Amino acid sequence: MIEQLGVETDEGVFDAIAAGPEDGRPVLFLHGFPEAAVEWEHQVAVLGREGFRAVAFDQRGYSPGVRPERPADYGIEALVGDVLAVADSLGWSTFDLVGHDWGGAVAWWVAEGHPERLRTLAVVSTPHPGALAEALRTDEDQHLRSGYMTEWRNSNTERRMLADDAAALRQMFEWRVPPSRVDEYVRRLSEPGALTAALNWYRAGRPGGRAGKVTVPTLYAWSTEDVAFGSTAALATGDWVTGPYRFEMLEDVSHWVPEQVPELLTSLLLEHLSP
């Protein structure tokens, strides 16, 4: 049974979905662009039935209650701070963290900077920031794949993405996500200011420091048909984890792993989270 929550923090109220007993082992999910917490609906529901307390929240800019206007307010420090603030509000001193796409990047930074808060880390699609930075410098394929990051900082991006019933936004999902879910994402991002807030994650600029190695037990799942992240950074990610590490390569799966192969990903997470 999926619950709707409002998680109160000093920054405002984050919208969230949740399942499972209040005293279950806490697992926090972070979504990516251009999605929302509901991308994790299947995983949250199953983990809840298995006795975990699973929560996925609409991150900064995606939650109407936390939607600052300045791009500078979407830097990695603020995004990491939101994760910790949500966990604090939920009463979680330690928790398992799962992230996909931009949520995966935030998850890596949380694990690197606050390992004492995490039992485990699971990241889907997004390589470790250090591995990705190195690939951007040395691998032409990854440099080409990441060109959209610069393009989306342009001021006309919102208009282009939402034109013709958001045709460009819809095409991003490569017809791998259920149409009803894509409609929901389009509806959310068509609200005044919503798409600008989501794009401000790209416009905020790069983090000031370099992400170090991760010490917590980590699962990293990468799919071979991912258009955003190539194999160079994916295969190098293990070099940035000093704790127990498991790498799963998902054959013939696109970037949209949580919704394209929900059962497969959920089974991997349950194995990862098992005592």
Foldseek 3Di string as FASTA:
>chain_A
DKDWDWQQFPLWTWIKIKAADLPFAEEEEEEAPPAAQCLQVLLRHVVRVVHHIYMYTGFALLGPGRDDDDLLCQALVNRLVVVVRSCVSSVQQAHEYEYAHVRLQSQLQNQQPPVVRYQEYEYEADFHQVLLVVCCVPPPLLVVLAPVLVVLLDPCNLVVCPPPNRVNQLCVVVPLAPPVRSVVSSVSCPPPSRVVSSSSNSVNDHDPDDRAAGEHAYEYEHECAESNDHDRRLVCRVVRYPHHYHYHYHYPDYSSPCRNPVVVVSVVVCVSPDD
